[in-house]
Structure formats: C-alpha cells, structure tokens
Amino acid sequence: MSDQRLKVVLGENPDSADGSVKRLLEERGAILFPCMDGFEVIRASFSKGPDVIILDTSLPRMNGYQCARVLKQDPLTRDIPILHLGTSPTPLERYWSKVCRADAYLTLPIQKDEWDTVIQWVWNRDLSRRRFLPRVSIVPTLEDRDILALATHLLEHDLLMSSVLNEINRVDTWTISSKDLVASLLAIIHSLFPFSFAAGLLIYENHSELYLRPWGDPASHEWEKRIQLLISDHLRDRHGYYIDPGDITTVWLDPGPQEGSGLHSQNVFLHTCPQAPVRSVLAFEDLNPEALPREELDVLHLALEMAHGVMEKRVVATTAQELSVIDETTGGYSMAFFMEVLDRELANARRHRYPVTLFTLHISNFEGLIAGMDVEDRAGLLKSIHGAILRTMRKTDIVARRTQGNFMFLLSHTSKENAAIAARRVKANILEDVTAARPGLGSIEVSMGGSEFDPSRHVTTEAFLKEAMRRRSPARYKEPPAKGRIAAGGAE
C-alpha cells in the first residue's frame, strides 16, 4: 500500500461501539474523523473530504442508513465509498444498506480477513482520485437545521416520486380507452420529468397506433413524420423489427400545458418494450436522461417500464374482449394472439407450479342453425352468444374463437374442478340468452372438452390444446333450466 494515509470519517454509536474498528484503522495509519451521531457524520463528510465513510447503522439522531441516503444524493459526496457496520447478519439489514446505496455492509464483530479485503478495495478504487484530485471542501460548516433540511427535502422528493409512480399502477386498463390511457401515462411522466412533445406507439396483432401529444404547441405534421421515422428506424436497427411508417394509424391527443421557454432542442429520447405479442415505444422530445442524477434516472426508467406494462395490460384486455369481431376463419389474428398468451401462461405455470385449465365449447349444429338467416339475424345470434360469454367469464380469463360456433377458454390459477363451474355457467347462459332472443330457433347441440395443465404429461402446448379439444357426445338443449336463471359471474 502507498505511504499516503487513508482519510476516514468514522461514525460510531458511543453506547455500543467496542473500539475494534477504530483500532483496525489506526493500525493502518488512517487519519480518523470520529463522529458520535449522524449530524456530525454529515458535517465531517462535507468538510473533511474523506476517502471513505464508515457508518454504524445505529447512530443516534440520524442513523447510518439515513446518512448514506443524504450523502449519496449530494454531488460532492456521492462518489465517496460508504461502509455500513451492523450487528445483525440478516438479509433485511443488507437489503436496506443496498437501497441506501452503501458500497458494503460489514457485520460486527469484523473478521480481520474481511476487513483487509474491504480496505484494500477502497484503497484501489480511490487511489487515482487521491493522487491527482485531492478532495478539498468548499462547503461551510453545516448547522443542524441545514442537515435536517437536506434530509427532509430528500424524504419529500422520495415521497413525491413514490406517489407519482403509484398513479401509473392505478390507471384503469379495462374501462379507459387506449387514447385516454396513453394521455394519462404521458401526463404522469410529465409531472416528474418535463418534456416538450411525447408519443406512444402500440403494436399488436394487425394494429399499429401512434398517439402524439404536443405540450403547449399546436400539432405539427412534420413532427409526426419525424417521430414515425425515428421510431421505425430504432425498431429496425436496435431490435430487428420492421414496421412501415405508412401502416401506422396516428391519433393526436389534446395538448398539455405550455411550460418552459418554448425552445426545443429536437433531441428525442426513445424507450422501447420490444417483446411480443405487444410491442410499445415511448418517445420524448427534450427529455435528457444523461443530465439526470443517478437516482432520478433510476426513477425515470422505472416509470417507463411501468408505463409499458400498463399499456400491455390494456392491449390484452382489449384483445380478450374483441372475440366478436375476429376469428380464424376470417383470417384474423385472435388465435395467433391466444396461442402467444397460452405459450407464456404454460411456461409460467410450469415454473411457478400453479393450475391452468383450458376448456372448449363447440356448437356442432351452428351451420344448420344459421342456414337461411339473413346477415342481420346472423349477427344478432352471434351477439347473443358473445354477450353470454362476456357476462359469465372473469375479465382475467382469455377467450378465443376458432370458428363462429367454436370457442376456447383459458383460465389461469384455476383447477379443472373450478373451471367446470364456469363451463356449466357459460353453457347455461348461452342457452338462456339465445332462447330469449330467438325463441323459435330450435335445439342447440353443444359439445364441451377440457384439460388441466400437467407439466409431466403436456410436454408441448399443442398436446395440452389437443387434449382440451376432445369432446364428449353432443348434448341437446332447447330451454333454460327450470329452476330459473343461473347467476352470472366468473369461475369459482
């Protein structure tokens, strides 16, 4: 080790310290700045320019965790290594140390080998800065009220961030429109990180929707084309995904409030979630992540990841409830989407060991029932069937239509026994609704099948699907159950 001496701010609780850490540092020839409470630690860290800060987690007035959060937030001290000392070896203590951005957590009493390793690491990490850029403090002595103000400001900042992030999770993905959803997410992000223009692109099935929101300035056709080109180039170059800008449907959102000077740098920051079956891109003009402190940059990325997740949930909700307009026979993409969801759900069920059940419902004489119907009557019959399905199933269930009279139901976290309850309700409610709408239609022949996922037996998704498609002999139904209407509701 060099002849240069290590400068250490040492914060120890005078009621519990045994002097062992101080002795180890003195044996190394370190220059010590001992502190007996958190306020003294903050003052010494700003005024003494230490090479390392060692904090007892049980310091009085401000504990070691609180001190670390304040020091790691300030540009003058954020790069100084912080070591926490604690008597508890539990993972919870180490977790809080990491959350507060300390560089290491040492359990008391310290083992000499561990101590030597940590001190050598501190020395090697800080050697170049000590040699060429010795720390010189320009901060005047801080009063207690100044230190308390720093801690309070940090706490208020964290609470604001947490509150705003919570608003993202509270956005209603089921009843709100996609337009309002994207507008809400952009407004929430803008409250934390202002920008001049923003855009959100959703890509799923055969849809490509670009939502544009100016902030204070009128809509610009040139900006629209520029954003489309930037996003399509980004998806192609970074993620190997090609999208034709001409296939994108543009939706202009209401402008946000005018803020700032009105001068735009035209620098655009893109954040992408490229995973199928839902891809999404968020674009922001004049949002410069490189200028943000590391803590705020982490919050920004967390907010954007949460926004992508909310948009994906919205797409899943929309697609699951659009079974009345797309099916395999018309060349649509609902079955492709259903298979994507099924693959992912079975992979998760295999990993986390929870039940997944798939059941099928087939109206085998559907073609005969609609023979001779005009377009309007046929549409009315389909509407009755789909309405019965939607009012019976949970919003979390995924329903797909293979043909006009052939349906598949995916129930996550549901056993076959409980799924059978939902299957009976669907069957009964279809009969009830169709009979009420078309009393002279005639008998309906219904076949049903089902399977609960078994990882040992269903090696592939196709094997699981094939077993669920096995049908019992058709059962004929003409009238609703004599004991009255079966209550609507999801699987139990």
Protein backbone atom coordinates (compact mmCIF):
# COMPACT_ATOMS: atom_id res chain seq x y z
CA MET A 1 0.00 0.00 0.00
CA SER A 2 1.18 3.56 -0.71
CA ASP A 3 2.63 5.80 2.01
CA GLN A 4 -0.38 8.08 1.59
CA ARG A 5 -2.75 7.79 4.55
CA LEU A 6 -6.43 6.97 4.21
CA LYS A 7 -8.79 9.72 5.46
CA VAL A 8 -11.79 8.16 7.18
CA VAL A 9 -14.98 9.61 8.64
CA LEU A 10 -15.93 7.07 11.31
CA GLY A 11 -19.45 7.28 12.73
CA GLU A 12 -19.95 5.00 15.74
CA ASN A 13 -22.65 4.85 18.37
CA PRO A 14 -20.82 5.67 21.62
CA ASP A 15 -23.20 3.43 23.61
CA SER A 16 -22.41 0.28 21.63
CA ALA A 17 -19.02 0.74 19.94
CA ASP A 18 -16.25 -1.55 21.27
CA GLY A 19 -13.37 0.34 19.65
CA SER A 20 -12.36 -2.58 17.39
CA VAL A 21 -12.94 -0.71 14.13
CA LYS A 22 -11.04 2.32 15.38
CA ARG A 23 -8.09 0.12 16.36
CA LEU A 24 -8.00 -1.58 12.95
CA LEU A 25 -7.96 1.80 11.21
CA GLU A 26 -5.22 3.14 13.48
CA GLU A 27 -3.11 0.05 12.73
CA ARG A 28 -3.39 1.05 9.07
CA GLY A 29 -2.25 4.57 9.86
CA ALA A 30 -5.54 6.13 8.78
CA ILE A 31 -6.41 9.74 9.52
CA LEU A 32 -9.61 9.48 11.57
CA PHE A 33 -12.50 11.92 11.95
CA PRO A 34 -14.58 10.23 14.68
CA CYS A 35 -18.27 11.16 14.92
CA MET A 36 -20.79 10.19 17.60
CA ASP A 37 -24.05 10.89 15.73
CA GLY A 38 -25.43 11.26 12.23
CA PHE A 39 -25.34 15.04 12.16
CA GLU A 40 -21.60 15.02 12.92
CA VAL A 41 -21.09 12.46 10.12
CA ILE A 42 -22.80 14.72 7.57
CA ARG A 43 -20.77 17.75 8.68
CA ALA A 44 -17.45 15.87 8.59
CA SER A 45 -18.20 14.23 5.24
CA PHE A 46 -18.78 17.63 3.60
CA SER A 47 -15.93 19.47 5.34
CA LYS A 48 -13.09 16.94 5.61
CA GLY A 49 -13.08 15.41 2.13
CA PRO A 50 -12.64 11.81 3.32
CA ASP A 51 -11.59 8.83 1.20
CA VAL A 52 -14.14 6.56 2.86
CA ILE A 53 -17.10 6.93 5.25
CA ILE A 54 -17.76 4.16 7.78
CA LEU A 55 -21.18 4.28 9.47
CA ASP A 56 -22.70 2.39 12.35
CA THR A 57 -26.29 1.67 11.28
CA SER A 58 -27.49 2.51 14.83
CA LEU A 59 -26.06 6.04 15.03
CA PRO A 60 -28.15 8.42 17.17
CA ARG A 61 -30.06 11.44 15.75
CA MET A 62 -29.64 10.20 12.14
CA ASN A 63 -28.91 6.51 11.70
CA GLY A 64 -26.40 5.11 9.24
CA TYR A 65 -28.99 4.38 6.59
CA GLN A 66 -30.35 7.95 6.65
CA CYS A 67 -26.84 9.38 6.49
CA ALA A 68 -25.99 7.23 3.48
CA ARG A 69 -29.10 8.39 1.60
CA VAL A 70 -28.25 12.05 2.17
CA LEU A 71 -24.56 11.66 1.26
CA LYS A 72 -25.23 9.56 -1.85
CA GLN A 73 -27.72 12.15 -3.06
CA ASP A 74 -25.28 15.09 -3.00
CA PRO A 75 -22.85 15.58 -5.93
CA LEU A 76 -19.98 16.44 -3.54
CA THR A 77 -20.15 13.17 -1.62
CA ARG A 78 -21.97 10.66 -3.82
CA ASP A 79 -18.73 9.05 -5.10
CA ILE A 80 -17.17 8.52 -1.66
CA PRO A 81 -17.35 4.82 -0.64
CA ILE A 82 -19.68 4.18 2.31
CA LEU A 83 -19.34 1.11 4.52
CA HIS A 84 -22.14 0.16 6.91
CA LEU A 85 -21.42 -1.54 10.23
CA GLY A 86 -24.17 -3.59 11.88
CA THR A 87 -24.62 -6.33 14.43
CA SER A 88 -27.39 -8.09 12.51
CA PRO A 89 -26.41 -10.57 9.78
CA THR A 90 -29.97 -10.80 8.41
CA PRO A 91 -30.68 -10.22 4.70
CA LEU A 92 -33.06 -7.38 5.63
CA GLU A 93 -30.21 -5.23 7.02
CA ARG A 94 -28.12 -5.84 3.91
CA TYR A 95 -31.12 -5.01 1.74
CA TRP A 96 -31.64 -1.60 3.38
CA SER A 97 -27.93 -0.92 3.13
CA LYS A 98 -28.09 -1.58 -0.59
CA VAL A 99 -31.25 0.50 -1.02
CA CYS A 100 -29.46 3.43 0.63
CA ARG A 101 -26.61 2.86 -1.86
CA ALA A 102 -23.87 1.96 0.62
CA ASP A 103 -20.94 0.15 -1.01
CA ALA A 104 -20.67 -2.66 1.56
CA TYR A 105 -22.28 -3.98 4.73
CA LEU A 106 -19.94 -5.43 7.40
CA THR A 107 -21.20 -7.48 10.33
CA LEU A 108 -19.76 -6.78 13.78
CA PRO A 109 -17.50 -8.12 15.16
CA ILE A 110 -15.47 -7.79 11.96
CA GLN A 111 -13.25 -10.62 10.80
CA LYS A 112 -9.73 -9.39 10.06
CA ASP A 113 -9.56 -11.08 6.62
CA GLU A 114 -12.82 -9.46 5.58
CA TRP A 115 -11.64 -6.10 6.89
CA ASP A 116 -8.33 -6.28 4.97
CA THR A 117 -10.18 -7.15 1.75
CA VAL A 118 -12.62 -4.25 2.07
CA ILE A 119 -9.96 -1.67 2.95
CA GLN A 120 -7.77 -2.80 0.06
CA TRP A 121 -10.75 -2.45 -2.27
CA VAL A 122 -11.41 1.08 -1.00
CA TRP A 123 -7.76 1.99 -1.44
CA ASN A 124 -7.55 0.67 -5.00
CA ARG A 125 -10.84 2.28 -6.02
CA ASP A 126 -9.91 5.70 -4.70
CA LEU A 127 -6.18 5.78 -5.49
CA SER A 128 -6.31 7.83 -8.69
CA ARG A 129 -8.65 10.41 -7.21
CA ARG A 130 -6.45 10.85 -4.15
CA ARG A 131 -3.30 11.10 -6.21
CA PHE A 132 -4.47 13.57 -8.84
CA LEU A 133 -7.60 15.19 -7.42
CA PRO A 134 -7.30 15.55 -3.65
CA ARG A 135 -10.66 16.41 -2.16
CA VAL A 136 -10.92 19.99 -1.00
CA SER A 137 -14.19 21.02 0.59
CA ILE A 138 -15.73 24.38 -0.26
CA VAL A 139 -18.79 23.72 1.92
CA PRO A 140 -19.10 25.88 5.05
CA THR A 141 -19.89 24.28 8.38
CA LEU A 142 -23.47 23.00 8.35
CA GLU A 143 -25.83 23.74 11.21
CA ASP A 144 -28.17 21.04 12.50
CA ARG A 145 -31.11 22.74 10.82
CA ASP A 146 -29.27 22.66 7.46
CA ILE A 147 -28.65 18.93 7.74
CA LEU A 148 -32.25 18.33 8.77
CA ALA A 149 -33.40 20.36 5.76
CA LEU A 150 -31.30 18.16 3.44
CA ALA A 151 -32.82 15.00 4.90
CA THR A 152 -36.36 16.43 4.81
CA HIS A 153 -36.00 17.55 1.19
CA LEU A 154 -34.77 14.10 0.22
CA LEU A 155 -37.68 12.46 2.04
CA GLU A 156 -40.21 14.75 0.36
CA HIS A 157 -38.62 14.05 -3.00
CA ASP A 158 -38.83 10.29 -2.44
CA LEU A 159 -42.44 10.52 -1.29
CA LEU A 160 -43.35 12.57 -4.37
CA MET A 161 -41.65 10.07 -6.66
CA SER A 162 -43.39 7.13 -4.96
CA SER A 163 -46.76 8.84 -5.11
CA VAL A 164 -46.46 9.65 -8.81
CA LEU A 165 -45.25 6.16 -9.68
CA ASN A 166 -48.22 4.73 -7.79
CA GLU A 167 -50.52 6.75 -10.04
CA ILE A 168 -49.24 4.76 -13.05
CA ASN A 169 -50.35 1.48 -11.47
CA ARG A 170 -53.74 2.96 -10.62
CA VAL A 171 -54.67 3.75 -14.24
CA ASP A 172 -57.75 1.71 -15.19
CA THR A 173 -56.74 -0.56 -18.08
CA TRP A 174 -60.20 -2.10 -18.55
CA THR A 175 -62.70 0.71 -18.99
CA ILE A 176 -60.49 3.57 -20.18
CA SER A 177 -59.90 4.00 -23.92
CA SER A 178 -56.42 3.47 -25.36
CA LYS A 179 -56.28 7.17 -26.24
CA ASP A 180 -57.10 8.29 -22.70
CA LEU A 181 -54.77 5.66 -21.24
CA VAL A 182 -51.73 6.90 -23.18
CA ALA A 183 -52.65 10.52 -22.45
CA SER A 184 -52.84 9.74 -18.71
CA LEU A 185 -49.49 7.95 -18.68
CA LEU A 186 -47.75 10.78 -20.53
CA ALA A 187 -49.24 13.36 -18.16
CA ILE A 188 -47.99 11.40 -15.13
CA ILE A 189 -44.48 11.09 -16.55
CA HIS A 190 -44.50 14.79 -17.49
CA SER A 191 -45.22 15.71 -13.85
CA LEU A 192 -41.88 14.12 -12.91
CA PHE A 193 -39.77 14.78 -15.99
CA PRO A 194 -40.96 17.68 -18.19
CA PHE A 195 -40.62 17.43 -21.97
CA SER A 196 -41.91 19.37 -24.97
CA PHE A 197 -43.51 16.65 -27.12
CA ALA A 198 -44.29 12.98 -26.46
CA ALA A 199 -45.52 9.95 -28.36
CA GLY A 200 -46.60 6.41 -27.56
CA LEU A 201 -46.67 3.64 -30.17
CA LEU A 202 -48.63 0.41 -29.63
CA ILE A 203 -48.07 -2.56 -31.94
CA TYR A 204 -50.21 -5.68 -31.55
CA GLU A 205 -51.88 -8.15 -33.88
CA ASN A 206 -52.53 -6.14 -37.04
CA HIS A 207 -52.69 -2.77 -35.26
CA SER A 208 -50.04 -0.03 -35.17
CA GLU A 209 -51.31 3.02 -33.31
CA LEU A 210 -49.20 6.13 -32.67
CA TYR A 211 -50.51 8.56 -30.05
CA LEU A 212 -48.96 12.04 -30.23
CA ARG A 213 -49.18 14.68 -27.53
CA PRO A 214 -47.74 18.17 -28.01
CA TRP A 215 -47.05 20.20 -24.89
CA GLY A 216 -48.27 23.73 -25.42
CA ASP A 217 -47.53 23.87 -29.16
CA PRO A 218 -50.02 23.07 -31.92
CA ALA A 219 -49.92 19.72 -33.71
CA SER A 220 -47.18 19.51 -36.30
CA HIS A 221 -47.38 17.26 -39.37
CA GLU A 222 -43.61 17.49 -39.77
CA TRP A 223 -43.06 16.36 -36.18
CA GLU A 224 -45.44 13.44 -36.73
CA LYS A 225 -43.46 12.18 -39.73
CA ARG A 226 -40.17 12.75 -37.94
CA ILE A 227 -41.25 10.70 -34.92
CA GLN A 228 -42.60 7.91 -37.12
CA LEU A 229 -39.29 7.70 -38.97
CA LEU A 230 -37.21 7.80 -35.76
CA ILE A 231 -39.27 5.03 -34.15
CA SER A 232 -39.30 2.77 -37.22
CA ASP A 233 -35.51 3.19 -37.66
CA HIS A 234 -34.97 2.48 -33.96
CA LEU A 235 -37.07 -0.69 -34.04
CA ARG A 236 -35.29 -1.93 -37.15
CA ASP A 237 -31.71 -1.09 -36.11
CA ARG A 238 -31.88 -1.92 -32.38
CA HIS A 239 -34.44 -4.71 -32.25
CA GLY A 240 -34.56 -6.18 -35.76
CA TYR A 241 -38.27 -5.38 -36.10
CA TYR A 242 -39.54 -3.70 -39.25
CA ILE A 243 -42.66 -1.56 -39.38
CA ASP A 244 -43.75 0.53 -42.34
CA PRO A 245 -44.50 4.12 -41.22
CA GLY A 246 -47.32 4.12 -43.74
CA ASP A 247 -49.09 1.36 -41.77
CA ILE A 248 -49.19 3.42 -38.56
CA THR A 249 -52.50 4.99 -37.55
CA THR A 250 -51.88 8.39 -35.93
CA VAL A 251 -54.04 9.73 -33.10
CA TRP A 252 -53.44 13.27 -31.84
CA LEU A 253 -54.01 13.79 -28.14
CA ASP A 254 -55.05 17.06 -26.57
CA PRO A 255 -52.01 19.29 -25.96
CA GLY A 256 -50.63 19.62 -22.44
CA PRO A 257 -49.94 22.93 -20.68
CA GLN A 258 -47.28 25.26 -22.02
CA GLU A 259 -44.12 25.15 -19.90
CA GLY A 260 -40.57 26.35 -20.21
CA SER A 261 -39.10 28.74 -22.74
CA GLY A 262 -40.79 27.20 -25.75
CA LEU A 263 -37.41 26.49 -27.39
CA HIS A 264 -36.99 22.90 -28.48
CA SER A 265 -33.68 21.11 -28.96
CA GLN A 266 -35.34 18.43 -31.14
CA ASN A 267 -33.41 15.77 -29.22
CA VAL A 268 -35.64 12.71 -28.87
CA PHE A 269 -35.30 10.02 -26.21
CA LEU A 270 -36.79 6.61 -27.07
CA HIS A 271 -37.67 3.85 -24.61
CA THR A 272 -38.78 0.52 -26.10
CA CYS A 273 -40.52 -2.64 -24.94
CA PRO A 274 -39.92 -4.90 -27.96
CA GLN A 275 -41.39 -8.13 -26.59
CA ALA A 276 -44.18 -9.92 -28.47
CA PRO A 277 -47.16 -10.17 -28.55
CA VAL A 278 -47.34 -6.46 -27.57
CA ARG A 279 -44.62 -4.05 -28.60
CA SER A 280 -44.58 -0.46 -27.43
CA VAL A 281 -42.37 2.59 -27.81
CA LEU A 282 -42.39 5.83 -25.80
CA ALA A 283 -40.73 8.90 -27.33
CA PHE A 284 -39.98 12.23 -25.63
CA GLU A 285 -38.52 15.41 -27.08
CA ASP A 286 -36.27 17.50 -24.79
CA LEU A 287 -36.06 14.83 -22.10
CA ASN A 288 -32.35 14.34 -21.49
CA PRO A 289 -31.66 11.33 -19.24
CA GLU A 290 -27.89 11.98 -19.31
CA ALA A 291 -28.43 15.19 -17.33
CA LEU A 292 -30.35 13.43 -14.53
CA PRO A 293 -28.77 12.31 -11.26
CA ARG A 294 -28.48 8.56 -10.99
CA GLU A 295 -31.35 8.32 -8.51
CA GLU A 296 -33.73 10.22 -10.79
CA LEU A 297 -32.54 8.25 -13.82
CA ASP A 298 -33.48 5.05 -11.99
CA VAL A 299 -36.93 6.51 -11.26
CA LEU A 300 -37.36 7.53 -14.91
CA HIS A 301 -36.59 4.04 -16.19
CA LEU A 302 -38.87 2.51 -13.56
CA ALA A 303 -41.72 4.85 -14.58
CA LEU A 304 -41.25 3.98 -18.25
CA GLU A 305 -41.14 0.23 -17.58
CA MET A 306 -44.34 0.55 -15.54
CA ALA A 307 -45.98 2.56 -18.34
CA HIS A 308 -45.11 -0.15 -20.87
CA GLY A 309 -46.63 -2.76 -18.55
CA VAL A 310 -49.86 -0.78 -18.20
CA MET A 311 -50.13 -0.40 -21.99
CA GLU A 312 -49.59 -4.13 -22.45
CA LYS A 313 -52.35 -4.90 -19.93
CA ARG A 314 -54.64 -2.58 -21.87
CA VAL A 315 -53.93 -4.38 -25.14
CA VAL A 316 -54.52 -7.78 -23.53
CA ALA A 317 -57.82 -6.55 -22.11
CA THR A 318 -58.91 -5.10 -25.45
CA THR A 319 -57.98 -8.20 -27.44
CA ALA A 320 -59.60 -10.59 -24.99
CA GLN A 321 -62.90 -8.73 -25.31
CA GLU A 322 -62.84 -8.42 -29.11
CA LEU A 323 -63.75 -12.07 -29.80
CA SER A 324 -66.91 -10.96 -31.59
CA VAL A 325 -65.03 -9.34 -34.48
CA ILE A 326 -62.06 -11.60 -35.26
CA ASP A 327 -61.76 -15.35 -35.77
CA GLU A 328 -59.58 -17.85 -37.53
CA THR A 329 -61.95 -18.41 -40.45
CA THR A 330 -61.89 -14.73 -41.45
CA GLY A 331 -58.09 -14.62 -41.50
CA GLY A 332 -57.86 -12.55 -38.34
CA TYR A 333 -55.25 -12.84 -35.65
CA SER A 334 -57.13 -13.68 -32.46
CA MET A 335 -55.92 -17.30 -32.47
CA ALA A 336 -52.32 -16.18 -33.02
CA PHE A 337 -52.66 -13.87 -30.03
CA PHE A 338 -54.34 -16.62 -28.00
CA MET A 339 -51.51 -19.05 -28.73
CA GLU A 340 -48.91 -16.44 -27.69
CA VAL A 341 -50.72 -15.98 -24.38
CA LEU A 342 -51.16 -19.74 -23.92
CA ASP A 343 -47.44 -20.41 -24.51
CA ARG A 344 -46.45 -17.77 -21.99
CA GLU A 345 -49.02 -18.90 -19.40
CA LEU A 346 -47.93 -22.54 -19.58
CA ALA A 347 -44.27 -21.54 -19.23
CA ASN A 348 -45.13 -19.54 -16.10
CA ALA A 349 -47.30 -22.35 -14.72
CA ARG A 350 -44.50 -24.85 -15.25
CA ARG A 351 -42.04 -22.55 -13.47
CA HIS A 352 -44.25 -21.42 -10.57
CA ARG A 353 -46.46 -24.53 -10.26
CA TYR A 354 -49.95 -23.06 -10.37
CA PRO A 355 -53.03 -24.58 -12.08
CA VAL A 356 -54.12 -23.61 -15.59
CA THR A 357 -57.24 -25.02 -17.25
CA LEU A 358 -58.37 -24.83 -20.86
CA PHE A 359 -61.92 -25.76 -21.81
CA THR A 360 -63.68 -25.67 -25.17
CA LEU A 361 -67.27 -25.16 -26.25
CA HIS A 362 -68.46 -26.26 -29.69
CA ILE A 363 -71.93 -25.66 -31.14
CA SER A 364 -71.85 -28.55 -33.57
CA ASN A 365 -75.07 -27.67 -35.43
CA PHE A 366 -74.25 -23.96 -35.72
CA GLU A 367 -74.14 -24.01 -39.53
CA GLY A 368 -77.59 -25.59 -39.62
CA LEU A 369 -78.97 -23.01 -37.20
CA ILE A 370 -77.87 -20.08 -39.33
CA ALA A 371 -78.87 -21.63 -42.64
CA GLY A 372 -81.37 -19.34 -44.32
CA MET A 373 -80.74 -16.43 -41.94
CA ASP A 374 -80.06 -13.01 -43.36
CA VAL A 375 -76.97 -11.06 -42.30
CA GLU A 376 -78.81 -9.09 -39.61
CA ASP A 377 -80.33 -12.18 -37.96
CA ARG A 378 -76.99 -14.00 -38.02
CA ALA A 379 -75.27 -11.01 -36.40
CA GLY A 380 -77.98 -10.96 -33.71
CA LEU A 381 -77.41 -14.63 -32.93
CA LEU A 382 -73.65 -14.13 -32.62
CA LYS A 383 -74.20 -11.10 -30.41
CA SER A 384 -76.35 -13.17 -28.04
CA ILE A 385 -73.70 -15.92 -27.80
CA HIS A 386 -70.83 -13.49 -27.27
CA GLY A 387 -72.79 -11.47 -24.74
CA ALA A 388 -73.48 -14.59 -22.69
CA ILE A 389 -69.77 -15.47 -22.71
CA LEU A 390 -68.59 -11.99 -21.73
CA ARG A 391 -71.08 -11.61 -18.85
CA THR A 392 -70.13 -15.02 -17.47
CA MET A 393 -66.34 -15.08 -17.56
CA ARG A 394 -63.87 -13.11 -15.42
CA LYS A 395 -62.01 -10.22 -17.02
CA THR A 396 -58.77 -12.09 -16.41
CA ASP A 397 -59.92 -15.09 -18.48
CA ILE A 398 -58.81 -15.21 -22.12
CA VAL A 399 -61.37 -16.28 -24.72
CA ALA A 400 -60.71 -17.03 -28.39
CA ARG A 401 -62.99 -18.06 -31.26
CA ARG A 402 -61.76 -20.67 -33.73
CA THR A 403 -64.94 -20.58 -35.80
CA GLN A 404 -68.27 -18.86 -35.33
CA GLY A 405 -69.53 -21.67 -33.10
CA ASN A 406 -66.24 -22.95 -31.61
CA PHE A 407 -64.73 -21.24 -28.56
CA MET A 408 -61.69 -21.75 -26.30
CA PHE A 409 -61.42 -20.51 -22.70
CA LEU A 410 -58.10 -20.13 -20.85
CA LEU A 411 -58.44 -19.86 -17.06
CA SER A 412 -55.24 -19.11 -15.16
CA HIS A 413 -54.80 -20.09 -11.48
CA THR A 414 -57.92 -22.25 -11.82
CA SER A 415 -58.28 -26.02 -11.34
CA LYS A 416 -60.31 -28.17 -13.72
CA GLU A 417 -62.90 -28.66 -10.98
CA ASN A 418 -63.49 -24.91 -10.61
CA ALA A 419 -63.27 -24.36 -14.38
CA ALA A 420 -66.12 -26.84 -14.78
CA ILE A 421 -68.34 -24.46 -12.80
CA ALA A 422 -67.57 -21.67 -15.27
CA ALA A 423 -68.11 -24.06 -18.20
CA ARG A 424 -71.59 -25.00 -16.95
CA ARG A 425 -72.48 -21.35 -16.46
CA VAL A 426 -71.32 -20.42 -19.96
CA LYS A 427 -73.38 -23.24 -21.47
CA ALA A 428 -76.48 -22.33 -19.47
CA ASN A 429 -76.19 -18.61 -20.15
CA ILE A 430 -75.72 -19.13 -23.90
CA LEU A 431 -78.90 -21.22 -23.95
CA GLU A 432 -80.79 -18.68 -21.87
CA ASP A 433 -79.74 -15.66 -23.93
CA VAL A 434 -80.21 -17.33 -27.32
CA THR A 435 -83.62 -18.73 -26.35
CA ALA A 436 -84.74 -15.31 -25.12
CA ALA A 437 -83.54 -13.60 -28.31
CA ARG A 438 -84.78 -16.27 -30.77
CA PRO A 439 -87.40 -18.50 -29.10
CA GLY A 440 -88.17 -20.39 -32.32
CA LEU A 441 -84.60 -21.24 -33.23
CA GLY A 442 -84.68 -24.93 -32.29
CA SER A 443 -82.32 -27.23 -30.41
CA ILE A 444 -78.67 -26.31 -29.88
CA GLU A 445 -76.15 -29.15 -29.91
CA VAL A 446 -73.26 -28.37 -27.57
CA SER A 447 -70.04 -30.36 -27.16
CA MET A 448 -67.51 -29.49 -24.47
CA GLY A 449 -64.00 -30.55 -23.58
CA GLY A 450 -61.39 -29.53 -21.05
CA SER A 451 -57.97 -30.18 -19.62
CA GLU A 452 -55.92 -29.04 -16.63
CA PHE A 453 -52.26 -28.45 -17.41
CA ASP A 454 -49.93 -31.24 -16.28
CA PRO A 455 -46.23 -30.44 -16.97
CA SER A 456 -45.29 -34.13 -16.94
CA ARG A 457 -47.95 -35.08 -19.49
CA HIS A 458 -48.32 -31.94 -21.59
CA VAL A 459 -44.77 -31.57 -22.88
CA THR A 460 -45.88 -29.15 -25.62
CA THR A 461 -48.61 -26.53 -25.89
CA GLU A 462 -50.10 -28.49 -28.77
CA ALA A 463 -50.51 -31.61 -26.58
CA PHE A 464 -52.36 -29.58 -23.96
CA LEU A 465 -54.55 -27.97 -26.61
CA LYS A 466 -55.33 -31.31 -28.28
CA GLU A 467 -56.50 -32.88 -25.02
CA ALA A 468 -58.76 -29.92 -24.28
CA MET A 469 -60.35 -30.27 -27.72
CA ARG A 470 -61.59 -33.84 -27.03
CA ARG A 471 -65.36 -33.67 -26.94
CA ARG A 472 -68.00 -35.70 -25.22
CA SER A 473 -71.09 -36.75 -27.12
CA PRO A 474 -73.17 -33.71 -28.03
CA ALA A 475 -75.88 -32.77 -25.59
CA ARG A 476 -79.09 -31.23 -26.90
CA TYR A 477 -80.56 -28.16 -25.20
CA LYS A 478 -83.71 -26.32 -26.01
CA GLU A 479 -84.88 -24.50 -22.87
CA PRO A 480 -83.16 -22.83 -19.92
CA PRO A 481 -83.01 -24.75 -16.61
CA ALA A 482 -86.43 -25.00 -14.96
CA LYS A 483 -85.20 -23.62 -11.63
CA GLY A 484 -84.61 -20.19 -13.03
CA ARG A 485 -81.79 -18.07 -14.27
CA ILE A 486 -78.24 -19.10 -13.40
CA ALA A 487 -76.40 -16.15 -11.85
CA ALA A 488 -73.73 -14.51 -13.96
CA GLY A 489 -70.22 -14.46 -12.67
CA GLY A 490 -66.73 -15.84 -13.15
CA ALA A 491 -65.26 -19.20 -12.38
CA GLU A 492 -65.13 -20.03 -8.72
